[in-house]
Amino acid sequence: MLQRLEWDSLATRRLLNQGTMFFKIHHGLVNIPFPTVVIPSLRLGRANNTLSYQPIQSRVNTYRYSFFVRTIPIWNRLPQPVIAATTVSQFQTLALPALRDMATTPTHQSL
């Protein structure tokens, strides 16, 4: 039914919404500051974008599934052209193909 209606899966839509909110926070489009534990990454891996953040470690489920802990790995996996978007609509358009791939990979379950 999703294919017939040309809708994205719920997992893809959730990733897009998380990524969009992080984009808005990153660019100051909403009045939500980054917590002190959100630190820009100083090293670039081969898959990182230039605006990546250090992943936050958590041993408590309540914190592990909070917004920033869950969203930073998603943000870090996005390609550079997506992160370099200048508007929210441009970000969403560019991010959707990458997020569709993320939603279908087994590693998404840990995000």
PDB file of N, CA and C in Angstrom:
ATOM      1  N   MET A   1       0.813  -1.186   0.000  1.00  0.00           N
ATOM      2  CA  MET A   1       0.000   0.000   0.000  1.00  0.00           C
ATOM      3  C   MET A   1       0.869   1.269   0.000  1.00  0.00           C
ATOM      4  N   LEU A   2       1.989   1.249   0.763  1.00  0.00           N
ATOM      5  CA  LEU A   2       2.884   2.405   0.784  1.00  0.00           C
ATOM      6  C   LEU A   2       3.439   2.694  -0.603  1.00  0.00           C
ATOM      7  N   GLN A   3       3.773   1.627  -1.327  1.00  0.00           N
ATOM      8  CA  GLN A   3       4.327   1.823  -2.667  1.00  0.00           C
ATOM      9  C   GLN A   3       3.275   2.353  -3.631  1.00  0.00           C
ATOM     10  N   ARG A   4       2.075   1.873  -3.489  1.00  0.00           N
ATOM     11  CA  ARG A   4       1.005   2.327  -4.369  1.00  0.00           C
ATOM     12  C   ARG A   4       0.706   3.813  -4.122  1.00  0.00           C
ATOM     13  N   LEU A   5       0.737   4.216  -2.860  1.00  0.00           N
ATOM     14  CA  LEU A   5       0.486   5.613  -2.515  1.00  0.00           C
ATOM     15  C   LEU A   5       1.737   6.490  -2.644  1.00  0.00           C
ATOM     16  N   GLU A   6       2.887   5.835  -2.877  1.00  0.00           N
ATOM     17  CA  GLU A   6       4.185   6.503  -2.986  1.00  0.00           C
ATOM     18  C   GLU A   6       4.549   7.251  -1.713  1.00  0.00           C
ATOM     19  N   TRP A   7       4.243   6.613  -0.571  1.00  0.00           N
ATOM     20  CA  TRP A   7       4.610   7.151   0.737  1.00  0.00           C
ATOM     21  C   TRP A   7       5.905   6.516   1.193  1.00  0.00           C
ATOM     22  N   ASP A   8       6.664   7.253   1.979  1.00  0.00           N
ATOM     23  CA  ASP A   8       7.854   6.673   2.597  1.00  0.00           C
ATOM     24  C   ASP A   8       7.437   5.901   3.841  1.00  0.00           C
ATOM     25  N   SER A   9       8.288   4.973   4.243  1.00  0.00           N
ATOM     26  CA  SER A   9       7.989   4.182   5.434  1.00  0.00           C
ATOM     27  C   SER A   9       8.020   5.066   6.674  1.00  0.00           C
ATOM     28  N   LEU A  10       7.428   4.593   7.744  1.00  0.00           N
ATOM     29  CA  LEU A  10       7.421   5.330   8.997  1.00  0.00           C
ATOM     30  C   LEU A  10       8.847   5.554   9.501  1.00  0.00           C
ATOM     31  N   ALA A  11       9.713   4.558   9.334  1.00  0.00           N
ATOM     32  CA  ALA A  11      11.111   4.689   9.765  1.00  0.00           C
ATOM     33  C   ALA A  11      11.804   5.822   9.007  1.00  0.00           C
ATOM     34  N   THR A  12      11.565   5.918   7.704  1.00  0.00           N
ATOM     35  CA  THR A  12      12.163   6.982   6.896  1.00  0.00           C
ATOM     36  C   THR A  12      11.630   8.341   7.320  1.00  0.00           C
ATOM     37  N   ARG A  13      10.328   8.432   7.553  1.00  0.00           N
ATOM     38  CA  ARG A  13       9.736   9.708   7.962  1.00  0.00           C
ATOM     39  C   ARG A  13      10.250  10.146   9.326  1.00  0.00           C
ATOM     40  N   ARG A  14      10.451   9.186  10.227  1.00  0.00           N
ATOM     41  CA  ARG A  14      11.005   9.525  11.541  1.00  0.00           C
ATOM     42  C   ARG A  14      12.434  10.045  11.421  1.00  0.00           C
ATOM     43  N   LEU A  15      13.239   9.378  10.603  1.00  0.00           N
ATOM     44  CA  LEU A  15      14.616   9.840  10.397  1.00  0.00           C
ATOM     45  C   LEU A  15      14.642  11.232   9.778  1.00  0.00           C
ATOM     46  N   LEU A  16      13.749  11.486   8.820  1.00  0.00           N
ATOM     47  CA  LEU A  16      13.694  12.800   8.191  1.00  0.00           C
ATOM     48  C   LEU A  16      13.309  13.872   9.203  1.00  0.00           C
ATOM     49  N   ASN A  17      12.344  13.579  10.049  1.00  0.00           N
ATOM     50  CA  ASN A  17      11.931  14.561  11.054  1.00  0.00           C
ATOM     51  C   ASN A  17      13.031  14.818  12.076  1.00  0.00           C
ATOM     52  N   GLN A  18      13.720  13.768  12.502  1.00  0.00           N
ATOM     53  CA  GLN A  18      14.839  13.946  13.430  1.00  0.00           C
ATOM     54  C   GLN A  18      15.942  14.785  12.783  1.00  0.00           C
ATOM     55  N   GLY A  19      16.306  14.438  11.559  1.00  0.00           N
ATOM     56  CA  GLY A  19      17.353  15.162  10.861  1.00  0.00           C
ATOM     57  C   GLY A  19      16.973  16.614  10.616  1.00  0.00           C
ATOM     58  N   THR A  20      15.702  16.851  10.278  1.00  0.00           N
ATOM     59  CA  THR A  20      15.244  18.216  10.039  1.00  0.00           C
ATOM     60  C   THR A  20      15.316  19.048  11.311  1.00  0.00           C
ATOM     61  N   MET A  21      14.894  18.483  12.435  1.00  0.00           N
ATOM     62  CA  MET A  21      14.961  19.233  13.694  1.00  0.00           C
ATOM     63  C   MET A  21      16.413  19.518  14.074  1.00  0.00           C
ATOM     64  N   PHE A  22      17.299  18.547  13.876  1.00  0.00           N
ATOM     65  CA  PHE A  22      18.712  18.772  14.171  1.00  0.00           C
ATOM     66  C   PHE A  22      19.273  19.873  13.267  1.00  0.00           C
ATOM     67  N   PHE A  23      18.888  19.860  11.997  1.00  0.00           N
ATOM     68  CA  PHE A  23      19.307  20.914  11.058  1.00  0.00           C
ATOM     69  C   PHE A  23      18.856  22.280  11.563  1.00  0.00           C
ATOM     70  N   LYS A  24      17.604  22.370  12.002  1.00  0.00           N
ATOM     71  CA  LYS A  24      17.076  23.641  12.508  1.00  0.00           C
ATOM     72  C   LYS A  24      17.822  24.093  13.763  1.00  0.00           C
ATOM     73  N   ILE A  25      18.118  23.172  14.660  1.00  0.00           N
ATOM     74  CA  ILE A  25      18.859  23.521  15.878  1.00  0.00           C
ATOM     75  C   ILE A  25      20.270  23.959  15.511  1.00  0.00           C
ATOM     76  N   HIS A  26      20.909  23.201  14.625  1.00  0.00           N
ATOM     77  CA  HIS A  26      22.282  23.507  14.194  1.00  0.00           C
ATOM     78  C   HIS A  26      22.382  24.911  13.585  1.00  0.00           C
ATOM     79  N   HIS A  27      21.397  25.301  12.815  1.00  0.00           N
ATOM     80  CA  HIS A  27      21.412  26.593  12.134  1.00  0.00           C
ATOM     81  C   HIS A  27      20.701  27.695  12.909  1.00  0.00           C
ATOM     82  N   GLY A  28      20.264  27.403  14.128  1.00  0.00           N
ATOM     83  CA  GLY A  28      19.631  28.418  14.957  1.00  0.00           C
ATOM     84  C   GLY A  28      18.259  28.849  14.476  1.00  0.00           C
ATOM     85  N   LEU A  29      17.555  27.983  13.761  1.00  0.00           N
ATOM     86  CA  LEU A  29      16.228  28.322  13.245  1.00  0.00           C
ATOM     87  C   LEU A  29      15.130  28.108  14.286  1.00  0.00           C
ATOM     88  N   VAL A  30      15.459  27.404  15.358  1.00  0.00           N
ATOM     89  CA  VAL A  30      14.545  27.218  16.490  1.00  0.00           C
ATOM     90  C   VAL A  30      15.288  27.622  17.758  1.00  0.00           C
ATOM     91  N   ASN A  31      14.551  27.971  18.759  1.00  0.00           N
ATOM     92  CA  ASN A  31      15.163  28.451  19.998  1.00  0.00           C
ATOM     93  C   ASN A  31      15.434  27.276  20.948  1.00  0.00           C
ATOM     94  N   ILE A  32      16.224  26.323  20.467  1.00  0.00           N
ATOM     95  CA  ILE A  32      16.640  25.174  21.264  1.00  0.00           C
ATOM     96  C   ILE A  32      18.162  25.136  21.223  1.00  0.00           C
ATOM     97  N   PRO A  33      18.816  25.348  22.344  1.00  0.00           N
ATOM     98  CA  PRO A  33      20.285  25.308  22.337  1.00  0.00           C
ATOM     99  C   PRO A  33      20.787  23.868  22.394  1.00  0.00           C
ATOM    100  N   PHE A  34      21.999  23.678  21.905  1.00  0.00           N
ATOM    101  CA  PHE A  34      22.639  22.378  22.064  1.00  0.00           C
ATOM    102  C   PHE A  34      23.021  22.203  23.531  1.00  0.00           C
ATOM    103  N   PRO A  35      22.814  21.009  24.095  1.00  0.00           N
ATOM    104  CA  PRO A  35      23.304  20.779  25.448  1.00  0.00           C
ATOM    105  C   PRO A  35      24.835  20.766  25.464  1.00  0.00           C
ATOM    106  N   THR A  36      25.413  20.890  26.621  1.00  0.00           N
ATOM    107  CA  THR A  36      26.874  20.958  26.728  1.00  0.00           C
ATOM    108  C   THR A  36      27.551  19.660  26.286  1.00  0.00           C
ATOM    109  N   VAL A  37      26.825  18.552  26.281  1.00  0.00           N
ATOM    110  CA  VAL A  37      27.426  17.278  25.875  1.00  0.00           C
ATOM    111  C   VAL A  37      27.520  17.128  24.356  1.00  0.00           C
ATOM    112  N   VAL A  38      26.881  18.011  23.610  1.00  0.00           N
ATOM    113  CA  VAL A  38      26.955  17.966  22.145  1.00  0.00           C
ATOM    114  C   VAL A  38      28.173  18.781  21.722  1.00  0.00           C
ATOM    115  N   ILE A  39      29.182  18.053  21.235  1.00  0.00           N
ATOM    116  CA  ILE A  39      30.481  18.655  20.917  1.00  0.00           C
ATOM    117  C   ILE A  39      30.819  18.371  19.457  1.00  0.00           C
ATOM    118  N   PRO A  40      31.190  19.395  18.696  1.00  0.00           N
ATOM    119  CA  PRO A  40      31.614  19.145  17.310  1.00  0.00           C
ATOM    120  C   PRO A  40      32.813  18.196  17.283  1.00  0.00           C
ATOM    121  N   SER A  41      32.833  17.332  16.296  1.00  0.00           N
ATOM    122  CA  SER A  41      33.924  16.374  16.147  1.00  0.00           C
ATOM    123  C   SER A  41      35.155  17.086  15.595  1.00  0.00           C
ATOM    124  N   LEU A  42      36.282  16.794  16.186  1.00  0.00           N
ATOM    125  CA  LEU A  42      37.528  17.413  15.735  1.00  0.00           C
ATOM    126  C   LEU A  42      38.223  16.595  14.663  1.00  0.00           C
ATOM    127  N   ARG A  43      37.878  15.312  14.594  1.00  0.00           N
ATOM    128  CA  ARG A  43      38.491  14.436  13.591  1.00  0.00           C
ATOM    129  C   ARG A  43      37.481  14.105  12.514  1.00  0.00           C
ATOM    130  N   LEU A  44      37.976  13.945  11.313  1.00  0.00           N
ATOM    131  CA  LEU A  44      37.128  13.521  10.213  1.00  0.00           C
ATOM    132  C   LEU A  44      37.480  12.100   9.827  1.00  0.00           C
ATOM    133  N   GLY A  45      36.492  11.238   9.868  1.00  0.00           N
ATOM    134  CA  GLY A  45      36.675   9.887   9.360  1.00  0.00           C
ATOM    135  C   GLY A  45      36.415   9.897   7.868  1.00  0.00           C
ATOM    136  N   ARG A  46      36.526   8.759   7.248  1.00  0.00           N
ATOM    137  CA  ARG A  46      36.321   8.733   5.796  1.00  0.00           C
ATOM    138  C   ARG A  46      34.863   8.934   5.416  1.00  0.00           C
ATOM    139  N   ALA A  47      33.953   8.647   6.335  1.00  0.00           N
ATOM    140  CA  ALA A  47      32.536   8.796   6.016  1.00  0.00           C
ATOM    141  C   ALA A  47      31.913  10.025   6.666  1.00  0.00           C
ATOM    142  N   ASN A  48      32.664  10.757   7.454  1.00  0.00           N
ATOM    143  CA  ASN A  48      32.089  11.891   8.172  1.00  0.00           C
ATOM    144  C   ASN A  48      31.948  13.112   7.282  1.00  0.00           C
ATOM    145  N   ASN A  49      30.974  13.932   7.628  1.00  0.00           N
ATOM    146  CA  ASN A  49      30.852  15.226   6.985  1.00  0.00           C
ATOM    147  C   ASN A  49      31.643  16.239   7.809  1.00  0.00           C
ATOM    148  N   THR A  50      31.819  17.427   7.296  1.00  0.00           N
ATOM    149  CA  THR A  50      32.650  18.415   7.980  1.00  0.00           C
ATOM    150  C   THR A  50      31.963  19.034   9.191  1.00  0.00           C
ATOM    151  N   LEU A  51      30.670  18.821   9.346  1.00  0.00           N
ATOM    152  CA  LEU A  51      29.933  19.365  10.487  1.00  0.00           C
ATOM    153  C   LEU A  51      29.440  18.253  11.408  1.00  0.00           C
ATOM    154  N   SER A  52      30.231  17.212  11.544  1.00  0.00           N
ATOM    155  CA  SER A  52      29.816  16.089  12.382  1.00  0.00           C
ATOM    156  C   SER A  52      30.031  16.409  13.864  1.00  0.00           C
ATOM    157  N   TYR A  53      29.379  15.636  14.700  1.00  0.00           N
ATOM    158  CA  TYR A  53      29.448  15.799  16.147  1.00  0.00           C
ATOM    159  C   TYR A  53      29.901  14.501  16.788  1.00  0.00           C
ATOM    160  N   GLN A  54      30.518  14.615  17.953  1.00  0.00           N
ATOM    161  CA  GLN A  54      30.959  13.430  18.675  1.00  0.00           C
ATOM    162  C   GLN A  54      29.730  12.684  19.190  1.00  0.00           C
ATOM    163  N   PRO A  55      29.674  11.374  18.956  1.00  0.00           N
ATOM    164  CA  PRO A  55      28.544  10.596  19.483  1.00  0.00           C
ATOM    165  C   PRO A  55      28.531  10.650  21.012  1.00  0.00           C
ATOM    166  N   ILE A  56      27.350  10.650  21.567  1.00  0.00           N
ATOM    167  CA  ILE A  56      27.182  10.689  23.016  1.00  0.00           C
ATOM    168  C   ILE A  56      26.956   9.262  23.507  1.00  0.00           C
ATOM    169  N   GLN A  57      27.742   8.846  24.474  1.00  0.00           N
ATOM    170  CA  GLN A  57      27.618   7.508  25.038  1.00  0.00           C
ATOM    171  C   GLN A  57      26.595   7.513  26.167  1.00  0.00           C
ATOM    172  N   SER A  58      25.812   6.460  26.257  1.00  0.00           N
ATOM    173  CA  SER A  58      24.825   6.352  27.315  1.00  0.00           C
ATOM    174  C   SER A  58      24.644   4.897  27.709  1.00  0.00           C
ATOM    175  N   ARG A  59      24.534   4.662  28.997  1.00  0.00           N
ATOM    176  CA  ARG A  59      24.279   3.311  29.488  1.00  0.00           C
ATOM    177  C   ARG A  59      22.861   3.160  30.018  1.00  0.00           C
ATOM    178  N   VAL A  60      22.167   4.266  30.116  1.00  0.00           N
ATOM    179  CA  VAL A  60      20.804   4.264  30.648  1.00  0.00           C
ATOM    180  C   VAL A  60      19.827   4.417  29.486  1.00  0.00           C
ATOM    181  N   ASN A  61      18.862   3.495  29.372  1.00  0.00           N
ATOM    182  CA  ASN A  61      17.932   3.524  28.246  1.00  0.00           C
ATOM    183  C   ASN A  61      17.162   4.831  28.144  1.00  0.00           C
ATOM    184  N   THR A  62      16.809   5.404  29.274  1.00  0.00           N
ATOM    185  CA  THR A  62      16.059   6.650  29.257  1.00  0.00           C
ATOM    186  C   THR A  62      16.831   7.729  28.513  1.00  0.00           C
ATOM    187  N   TYR A  63      18.114   7.793  28.706  1.00  0.00           N
ATOM    188  CA  TYR A  63      18.953   8.785  28.043  1.00  0.00           C
ATOM    189  C   TYR A  63      19.363   8.319  26.651  1.00  0.00           C
ATOM    190  N   ARG A  64      19.577   7.021  26.487  1.00  0.00           N
ATOM    191  CA  ARG A  64      20.029   6.460  25.214  1.00  0.00           C
ATOM    192  C   ARG A  64      19.062   6.783  24.082  1.00  0.00           C
ATOM    193  N   TYR A  65      17.784   6.844  24.391  1.00  0.00           N
ATOM    194  CA  TYR A  65      16.782   7.095  23.360  1.00  0.00           C
ATOM    195  C   TYR A  65      16.308   8.544  23.332  1.00  0.00           C
ATOM    196  N   SER A  66      17.070   9.435  23.949  1.00  0.00           N
ATOM    197  CA  SER A  66      16.735  10.857  23.893  1.00  0.00           C
ATOM    198  C   SER A  66      17.134  11.424  22.530  1.00  0.00           C
ATOM    199  N   PHE A  67      16.647  12.614  22.232  1.00  0.00           N
ATOM    200  CA  PHE A  67      16.779  13.175  20.894  1.00  0.00           C
ATOM    201  C   PHE A  67      18.228  13.284  20.423  1.00  0.00           C
ATOM    202  N   PHE A  68      19.083  13.946  21.185  1.00  0.00           N
ATOM    203  CA  PHE A  68      20.446  14.199  20.709  1.00  0.00           C
ATOM    204  C   PHE A  68      21.269  12.915  20.616  1.00  0.00           C
ATOM    205  N   VAL A  69      21.121  12.033  21.573  1.00  0.00           N
ATOM    206  CA  VAL A  69      21.863  10.770  21.542  1.00  0.00           C
ATOM    207  C   VAL A  69      21.457   9.957  20.321  1.00  0.00           C
ATOM    208  N   ARG A  70      20.176   9.960  19.988  1.00  0.00           N
ATOM    209  CA  ARG A  70      19.654   9.206  18.855  1.00  0.00           C
ATOM    210  C   ARG A  70      19.970   9.872  17.518  1.00  0.00           C
ATOM    211  N   THR A  71      20.003  11.191  17.474  1.00  0.00           N
ATOM    212  CA  THR A  71      20.072  11.901  16.197  1.00  0.00           C
ATOM    213  C   THR A  71      21.491  12.182  15.717  1.00  0.00           C
ATOM    214  N   ILE A  72      22.443  12.331  16.605  1.00  0.00           N
ATOM    215  CA  ILE A  72      23.820  12.627  16.186  1.00  0.00           C
ATOM    216  C   ILE A  72      24.375  11.558  15.243  1.00  0.00           C
ATOM    217  N   PRO A  73      24.190  10.255  15.507  1.00  0.00           N
ATOM    218  CA  PRO A  73      24.689   9.271  14.529  1.00  0.00           C
ATOM    219  C   PRO A  73      24.028   9.402  13.150  1.00  0.00           C
ATOM    220  N   ILE A  74      22.758   9.784  13.129  1.00  0.00           N
ATOM    221  CA  ILE A  74      22.068   9.985  11.854  1.00  0.00           C
ATOM    222  C   ILE A  74      22.685  11.174  11.125  1.00  0.00           C
ATOM    223  N   TRP A  75      22.864  12.272  11.833  1.00  0.00           N
ATOM    224  CA  TRP A  75      23.467  13.487  11.265  1.00  0.00           C
ATOM    225  C   TRP A  75      24.864  13.201  10.723  1.00  0.00           C
ATOM    226  N   ASN A  76      25.649  12.457  11.490  1.00  0.00           N
ATOM    227  CA  ASN A  76      27.027  12.168  11.084  1.00  0.00           C
ATOM    228  C   ASN A  76      27.101  11.287   9.842  1.00  0.00           C
ATOM    229  N   ARG A  77      26.080  10.502   9.573  1.00  0.00           N
ATOM    230  CA  ARG A  77      26.084   9.620   8.408  1.00  0.00           C
ATOM    231  C   ARG A  77      25.593  10.303   7.135  1.00  0.00           C
ATOM    232  N   LEU A  78      25.046  11.499   7.251  1.00  0.00           N
ATOM    233  CA  LEU A  78      24.563  12.199   6.064  1.00  0.00           C
ATOM    234  C   LEU A  78      25.737  12.700   5.221  1.00  0.00           C
ATOM    235  N   PRO A  79      25.609  12.656   3.894  1.00  0.00           N
ATOM    236  CA  PRO A  79      26.686  13.141   3.020  1.00  0.00           C
ATOM    237  C   PRO A  79      26.853  14.660   3.113  1.00  0.00           C
ATOM    238  N   GLN A  80      28.015  15.129   2.751  1.00  0.00           N
ATOM    239  CA  GLN A  80      28.357  16.548   2.835  1.00  0.00           C
ATOM    240  C   GLN A  80      27.378  17.461   2.088  1.00  0.00           C
ATOM    241  N   PRO A  81      26.934  17.139   0.866  1.00  0.00           N
ATOM    242  CA  PRO A  81      25.993  18.041   0.183  1.00  0.00           C
ATOM    243  C   PRO A  81      24.690  18.247   0.960  1.00  0.00           C
ATOM    244  N   VAL A  82      24.253  17.229   1.681  1.00  0.00           N
ATOM    245  CA  VAL A  82      23.028  17.344   2.483  1.00  0.00           C
ATOM    246  C   VAL A  82      23.267  18.317   3.633  1.00  0.00           C
ATOM    247  N   ILE A  83      24.373  18.150   4.327  1.00  0.00           N
ATOM    248  CA  ILE A  83      24.698  18.986   5.472  1.00  0.00           C
ATOM    249  C   ILE A  83      24.930  20.435   5.043  1.00  0.00           C
ATOM    250  N   ALA A  84      25.400  20.643   3.830  1.00  0.00           N
ATOM    251  CA  ALA A  84      25.695  21.990   3.338  1.00  0.00           C
ATOM    252  C   ALA A  84      24.455  22.725   2.836  1.00  0.00           C
ATOM    253  N   ALA A  85      23.287  22.108   2.944  1.00  0.00           N
ATOM    254  CA  ALA A  85      22.049  22.761   2.489  1.00  0.00           C
ATOM    255  C   ALA A  85      21.848  24.076   3.234  1.00  0.00           C
ATOM    256  N   THR A  86      21.227  25.022   2.560  1.00  0.00           N
ATOM    257  CA  THR A  86      21.041  26.347   3.159  1.00  0.00           C
ATOM    258  C   THR A  86      19.621  26.587   3.665  1.00  0.00           C
ATOM    259  N   THR A  87      18.668  25.782   3.207  1.00  0.00           N
ATOM    260  CA  THR A  87      17.285  25.936   3.670  1.00  0.00           C
ATOM    261  C   THR A  87      16.760  24.587   4.150  1.00  0.00           C
ATOM    262  N   VAL A  88      15.694  24.640   4.919  1.00  0.00           N
ATOM    263  CA  VAL A  88      15.098  23.412   5.435  1.00  0.00           C
ATOM    264  C   VAL A  88      14.551  22.561   4.294  1.00  0.00           C
ATOM    265  N   SER A  89      13.869  23.172   3.342  1.00  0.00           N
ATOM    266  CA  SER A  89      13.310  22.391   2.231  1.00  0.00           C
ATOM    267  C   SER A  89      14.411  21.767   1.374  1.00  0.00           C
ATOM    268  N   GLN A  90      15.498  22.485   1.177  1.00  0.00           N
ATOM    269  CA  GLN A  90      16.626  21.925   0.429  1.00  0.00           C
ATOM    270  C   GLN A  90      17.232  20.759   1.206  1.00  0.00           C
ATOM    271  N   PHE A  91      17.379  20.912   2.516  1.00  0.00           N
ATOM    272  CA  PHE A  91      17.900  19.833   3.347  1.00  0.00           C
ATOM    273  C   PHE A  91      17.018  18.584   3.223  1.00  0.00           C
ATOM    274  N   GLN A  92      15.714  18.764   3.338  1.00  0.00           N
ATOM    275  CA  GLN A  92      14.800  17.626   3.280  1.00  0.00           C
ATOM    276  C   GLN A  92      14.858  16.931   1.923  1.00  0.00           C
ATOM    277  N   THR A  93      14.930  17.706   0.866  1.00  0.00           N
ATOM    278  CA  THR A  93      15.002  17.133  -0.484  1.00  0.00           C
ATOM    279  C   THR A  93      16.286  16.327  -0.667  1.00  0.00           C
ATOM    280  N   LEU A  94      17.406  16.881  -0.208  1.00  0.00           N
ATOM    281  CA  LEU A  94      18.689  16.198  -0.368  1.00  0.00           C
ATOM    282  C   LEU A  94      18.848  15.024   0.597  1.00  0.00           C
ATOM    283  N   ALA A  95      18.258  15.135   1.778  1.00  0.00           N
ATOM    284  CA  ALA A  95      18.442  14.107   2.802  1.00  0.00           C
ATOM    285  C   ALA A  95      17.589  12.865   2.553  1.00  0.00           C
ATOM    286  N   LEU A  96      16.463  13.019   1.919  1.00  0.00           N
ATOM    287  CA  LEU A  96      15.527  11.908   1.782  1.00  0.00           C
ATOM    288  C   LEU A  96      16.129  10.649   1.157  1.00  0.00           C
ATOM    289  N   PRO A  97      16.872  10.721   0.053  1.00  0.00           N
ATOM    290  CA  PRO A  97      17.462   9.485  -0.492  1.00  0.00           C
ATOM    291  C   PRO A  97      18.426   8.805   0.486  1.00  0.00           C
ATOM    292  N   ALA A  98      19.251   9.590   1.165  1.00  0.00           N
ATOM    293  CA  ALA A  98      20.201   9.002   2.122  1.00  0.00           C
ATOM    294  C   ALA A  98      19.462   8.388   3.302  1.00  0.00           C
ATOM    295  N   LEU A  99      18.412   9.034   3.757  1.00  0.00           N
ATOM    296  CA  LEU A  99      17.655   8.514   4.899  1.00  0.00           C
ATOM    297  C   LEU A  99      16.852   7.274   4.523  1.00  0.00           C
ATOM    298  N   ARG A 100      16.414   7.196   3.276  1.00  0.00           N
ATOM    299  CA  ARG A 100      15.734   5.975   2.819  1.00  0.00           C
ATOM    300  C   ARG A 100      16.690   4.789   2.900  1.00  0.00           C
ATOM    301  N   ASP A 101      17.937   5.013   2.497  1.00  0.00           N
ATOM    302  CA  ASP A 101      18.940   3.951   2.593  1.00  0.00           C
ATOM    303  C   ASP A 101      19.202   3.574   4.048  1.00  0.00           C
ATOM    304  N   MET A 102      19.301   4.590   4.917  1.00  0.00           N
ATOM    305  CA  MET A 102      19.542   4.317   6.341  1.00  0.00           C
ATOM    306  C   MET A 102      18.401   3.518   6.953  1.00  0.00           C
ATOM    307  N   ALA A 103      17.174   3.838   6.575  1.00  0.00           N
ATOM    308  CA  ALA A 103      16.010   3.180   7.164  1.00  0.00           C
ATOM    309  C   ALA A 103      15.932   1.705   6.772  1.00  0.00           C
ATOM    310  N   THR A 104      16.553   1.339   5.646  1.00  0.00           N
ATOM    311  CA  THR A 104      16.475  -0.048   5.194  1.00  0.00           C
ATOM    312  C   THR A 104      17.685  -0.891   5.609  1.00  0.00           C
ATOM    313  N   THR A 105      18.717  -0.245   6.169  1.00  0.00           N
ATOM    314  CA  THR A 105      19.900  -1.009   6.578  1.00  0.00           C
ATOM    315  C   THR A 105      19.726  -1.548   7.978  1.00  0.00           C
ATOM    316  N   PRO A 106      20.293  -2.715   8.270  1.00  0.00           N
ATOM    317  CA  PRO A 106      20.160  -3.306   9.602  1.00  0.00           C
ATOM    318  C   PRO A 106      20.758  -2.453  10.710  1.00  0.00           C
ATOM    319  N   THR A 107      21.777  -1.644  10.414  1.00  0.00           N
ATOM    320  CA  THR A 107      22.389  -0.827  11.452  1.00  0.00           C
ATOM    321  C   THR A 107      21.468   0.268  11.933  1.00  0.00           C
ATOM    322  N   HIS A 108      20.414   0.553  11.173  1.00  0.00           N
ATOM    323  CA  HIS A 108      19.462   1.588  11.586  1.00  0.00           C
ATOM    324  C   HIS A 108      18.808   1.207  12.911  1.00  0.00           C
ATOM    325  N   GLN A 109      18.662  -0.060  13.185  1.00  0.00           N
ATOM    326  CA  GLN A 109      18.000  -0.488  14.405  1.00  0.00           C
ATOM    327  C   GLN A 109      18.693   0.052  15.653  1.00  0.00           C
ATOM    328  N   SER A 110      20.011   0.287  15.579  1.00  0.00           N
ATOM    329  CA  SER A 110      20.739   0.789  16.742  1.00  0.00           C
ATOM    330  C   SER A 110      20.679   2.304  16.845  1.00  0.00           C
ATOM    331  N   LEU A 111      20.149   2.987  15.814  1.00  0.00           N
ATOM    332  CA  LEU A 111      20.106   4.450  15.846  1.00  0.00           C
ATOM    333  C   LEU A 111      18.971   4.948  16.666  1.00  0.00           C
TER     334      LEU A 111
END
